[in-house]
Amino acid sequence: MVIIYYFVDHKKKKIHQRQFAGDRCDFVETPVEKREFTDQVEYVQQLKNKDLYEMCKYCQQAQSISS
């Protein structure tokens, strides 16, 4: 079984896949107390469905480094 770890940005209501989160995700300004890490899929679904959080479009796969 593969466990996906999520990084939740409560300030911007974005859910990131922790392994792919990077600079393009724009969470640098989010205070530490507004950040959360979880592996609970049900919790992530609740945030999306009830609290209108969105999945980050930038961390669905590895980000490439452009020069």
N, C-alpha and C. Protein backbone atom coordinates (compact mmCIF):
# COMPACT_ATOMS: atom_id res chain seq x y z
N MET A 1 0.84 -1.18 0.00
CA MET A 1 0.00 0.00 0.00
C MET A 1 0.89 1.25 0.00
N VAL A 2 0.58 2.20 -0.88
CA VAL A 2 1.32 3.44 -0.97
C VAL A 2 0.62 4.49 -0.11
N ILE A 3 1.39 5.13 0.75
CA ILE A 3 0.84 6.19 1.60
C ILE A 3 1.25 7.53 0.99
N ILE A 4 0.26 8.39 0.77
CA ILE A 4 0.53 9.72 0.26
C ILE A 4 0.46 10.68 1.43
N TYR A 5 1.48 11.48 1.55
CA TYR A 5 1.51 12.48 2.61
C TYR A 5 1.13 13.83 2.03
N TYR A 6 0.30 14.53 2.75
CA TYR A 6 -0.20 15.82 2.31
C TYR A 6 0.31 16.93 3.21
N PHE A 7 0.49 18.07 2.61
CA PHE A 7 0.83 19.30 3.31
C PHE A 7 -0.35 20.24 3.08
N VAL A 8 -1.01 20.63 4.15
CA VAL A 8 -2.21 21.46 4.06
C VAL A 8 -1.84 22.90 4.44
N ASP A 9 -2.14 23.81 3.54
CA ASP A 9 -1.93 25.24 3.75
C ASP A 9 -3.29 25.82 4.11
N HIS A 10 -3.52 26.05 5.41
CA HIS A 10 -4.82 26.54 5.87
C HIS A 10 -5.02 28.02 5.55
N LYS A 11 -3.94 28.76 5.32
CA LYS A 11 -4.08 30.17 4.98
C LYS A 11 -4.66 30.34 3.58
N LYS A 12 -4.16 29.55 2.63
CA LYS A 12 -4.60 29.68 1.24
C LYS A 12 -5.58 28.59 0.82
N LYS A 13 -5.92 27.70 1.75
CA LYS A 13 -6.85 26.59 1.49
C LYS A 13 -6.38 25.74 0.31
N LYS A 14 -5.10 25.37 0.36
CA LYS A 14 -4.52 24.51 -0.67
C LYS A 14 -3.99 23.24 -0.03
N ILE A 15 -4.12 22.14 -0.76
CA ILE A 15 -3.61 20.85 -0.32
C ILE A 15 -2.52 20.44 -1.29
N HIS A 16 -1.35 20.17 -0.75
CA HIS A 16 -0.19 19.81 -1.56
C HIS A 16 0.19 18.35 -1.31
N GLN A 17 0.70 17.71 -2.33
CA GLN A 17 1.31 16.40 -2.13
C GLN A 17 2.73 16.70 -1.65
N ARG A 18 3.00 16.32 -0.43
CA ARG A 18 4.25 16.73 0.22
C ARG A 18 5.49 16.38 -0.59
N GLN A 19 5.52 15.22 -1.21
CA GLN A 19 6.72 14.80 -1.92
C GLN A 19 7.01 15.66 -3.15
N PHE A 20 6.00 16.35 -3.68
CA PHE A 20 6.18 17.15 -4.89
C PHE A 20 6.09 18.65 -4.64
N ALA A 21 5.79 19.07 -3.43
CA ALA A 21 5.64 20.50 -3.13
C ALA A 21 6.96 21.22 -3.34
N GLY A 22 6.86 22.40 -3.95
CA GLY A 22 8.07 23.17 -4.23
C GLY A 22 7.78 24.65 -4.33
N ASP A 23 8.73 25.38 -4.87
CA ASP A 23 8.64 26.84 -4.95
C ASP A 23 7.40 27.33 -5.70
N ARG A 24 7.00 26.65 -6.74
CA ARG A 24 5.85 27.10 -7.53
C ARG A 24 4.54 27.03 -6.75
N CYS A 25 4.50 26.27 -5.69
CA CYS A 25 3.27 26.10 -4.89
C CYS A 25 2.92 27.34 -4.07
N ASP A 26 3.88 28.22 -3.86
CA ASP A 26 3.65 29.51 -3.21
C ASP A 26 3.07 29.40 -1.80
N PHE A 27 3.72 28.61 -0.96
CA PHE A 27 3.30 28.52 0.44
C PHE A 27 4.33 29.11 1.40
N VAL A 28 5.37 29.72 0.87
CA VAL A 28 6.47 30.23 1.68
C VAL A 28 6.00 31.25 2.71
N GLU A 29 5.03 32.08 2.35
CA GLU A 29 4.56 33.12 3.26
C GLU A 29 3.53 32.63 4.28
N THR A 30 3.11 31.38 4.16
CA THR A 30 2.13 30.85 5.12
C THR A 30 2.82 30.58 6.45
N PRO A 31 2.31 31.17 7.54
CA PRO A 31 2.92 30.96 8.86
C PRO A 31 2.89 29.48 9.26
N VAL A 32 3.86 29.07 10.04
CA VAL A 32 3.98 27.68 10.47
C VAL A 32 2.71 27.20 11.16
N GLU A 33 2.07 28.05 11.94
CA GLU A 33 0.86 27.64 12.65
C GLU A 33 -0.33 27.42 11.73
N LYS A 34 -0.21 27.82 10.47
CA LYS A 34 -1.28 27.60 9.48
C LYS A 34 -0.94 26.45 8.53
N ARG A 35 0.12 25.68 8.87
CA ARG A 35 0.55 24.54 8.05
C ARG A 35 0.27 23.25 8.81
N GLU A 36 -0.08 22.22 8.07
CA GLU A 36 -0.36 20.93 8.69
C GLU A 36 0.08 19.81 7.76
N PHE A 37 0.59 18.73 8.33
CA PHE A 37 0.98 17.56 7.57
C PHE A 37 0.09 16.40 7.97
N THR A 38 -0.38 15.63 6.99
CA THR A 38 -1.28 14.51 7.28
C THR A 38 -1.14 13.44 6.22
N ASP A 39 -1.51 12.23 6.58
CA ASP A 39 -1.61 11.14 5.61
C ASP A 39 -3.05 10.60 5.59
N GLN A 40 -3.98 11.35 6.18
CA GLN A 40 -5.37 10.92 6.29
C GLN A 40 -6.19 11.35 5.07
N VAL A 41 -6.44 10.42 4.17
CA VAL A 41 -7.16 10.70 2.93
C VAL A 41 -8.57 11.20 3.23
N GLU A 42 -9.23 10.63 4.22
CA GLU A 42 -10.58 11.05 4.56
C GLU A 42 -10.61 12.51 5.01
N TYR A 43 -9.62 12.91 5.77
CA TYR A 43 -9.52 14.29 6.24
C TYR A 43 -9.33 15.24 5.05
N VAL A 44 -8.46 14.86 4.13
CA VAL A 44 -8.20 15.67 2.94
C VAL A 44 -9.48 15.80 2.11
N GLN A 45 -10.22 14.70 1.96
CA GLN A 45 -11.49 14.75 1.23
C GLN A 45 -12.49 15.68 1.92
N GLN A 46 -12.52 15.65 3.24
CA GLN A 46 -13.41 16.53 4.00
C GLN A 46 -13.05 17.99 3.76
N LEU A 47 -11.77 18.30 3.78
CA LEU A 47 -11.35 19.68 3.53
C LEU A 47 -11.78 20.13 2.14
N LYS A 48 -11.65 19.23 1.16
CA LYS A 48 -12.04 19.57 -0.21
C LYS A 48 -13.56 19.74 -0.34
N ASN A 49 -14.31 18.83 0.21
CA ASN A 49 -15.76 18.81 0.02
C ASN A 49 -16.51 19.81 0.90
N LYS A 50 -16.14 19.88 2.15
CA LYS A 50 -16.89 20.72 3.09
C LYS A 50 -16.31 22.12 3.25
N ASP A 51 -15.00 22.23 3.18
CA ASP A 51 -14.35 23.50 3.47
C ASP A 51 -13.79 24.18 2.21
N LEU A 52 -14.04 23.57 1.05
CA LEU A 52 -13.67 24.13 -0.25
C LEU A 52 -12.17 24.36 -0.45
N TYR A 53 -11.37 23.48 0.12
CA TYR A 53 -9.93 23.51 -0.15
C TYR A 53 -9.70 22.95 -1.55
N GLU A 54 -8.61 23.37 -2.18
CA GLU A 54 -8.27 22.90 -3.53
C GLU A 54 -6.94 22.18 -3.51
N MET A 55 -6.82 21.21 -4.41
CA MET A 55 -5.55 20.54 -4.60
C MET A 55 -4.64 21.49 -5.38
N CYS A 56 -3.40 21.60 -4.97
CA CYS A 56 -2.44 22.45 -5.67
C CYS A 56 -2.17 21.87 -7.06
N LYS A 57 -2.27 22.72 -8.07
CA LYS A 57 -2.05 22.25 -9.44
C LYS A 57 -0.58 22.02 -9.75
N TYR A 58 0.32 22.53 -8.91
CA TYR A 58 1.74 22.42 -9.19
C TYR A 58 2.42 21.19 -8.60
N CYS A 59 1.79 20.54 -7.64
CA CYS A 59 2.50 19.42 -7.00
C CYS A 59 1.78 18.09 -7.21
N GLN A 60 1.30 17.87 -8.40
CA GLN A 60 0.71 16.59 -8.76
C GLN A 60 1.79 15.65 -9.30
N GLN A 61 2.94 16.22 -9.64
CA GLN A 61 4.08 15.43 -10.10
C GLN A 61 5.35 16.23 -9.77
N ALA A 62 6.49 15.63 -9.96
CA ALA A 62 7.76 16.28 -9.64
C ALA A 62 7.91 17.54 -10.47
N GLN A 63 8.38 18.61 -9.84
CA GLN A 63 8.61 19.86 -10.54
C GLN A 63 10.00 19.86 -11.14
N SER A 64 10.09 20.33 -12.38
CA SER A 64 11.39 20.39 -13.03
C SER A 64 12.05 21.72 -12.70
N ILE A 65 13.34 21.72 -12.80
CA ILE A 65 14.11 22.93 -12.54
C ILE A 65 14.42 23.56 -13.89
N SER A 66 13.97 24.78 -14.09
CA SER A 66 14.25 25.45 -15.35
C SER A 66 15.29 26.52 -15.12
N SER A 67 16.13 26.72 -16.13
CA SER A 67 17.20 27.70 -15.98
C SER A 67 16.87 29.02 -16.60
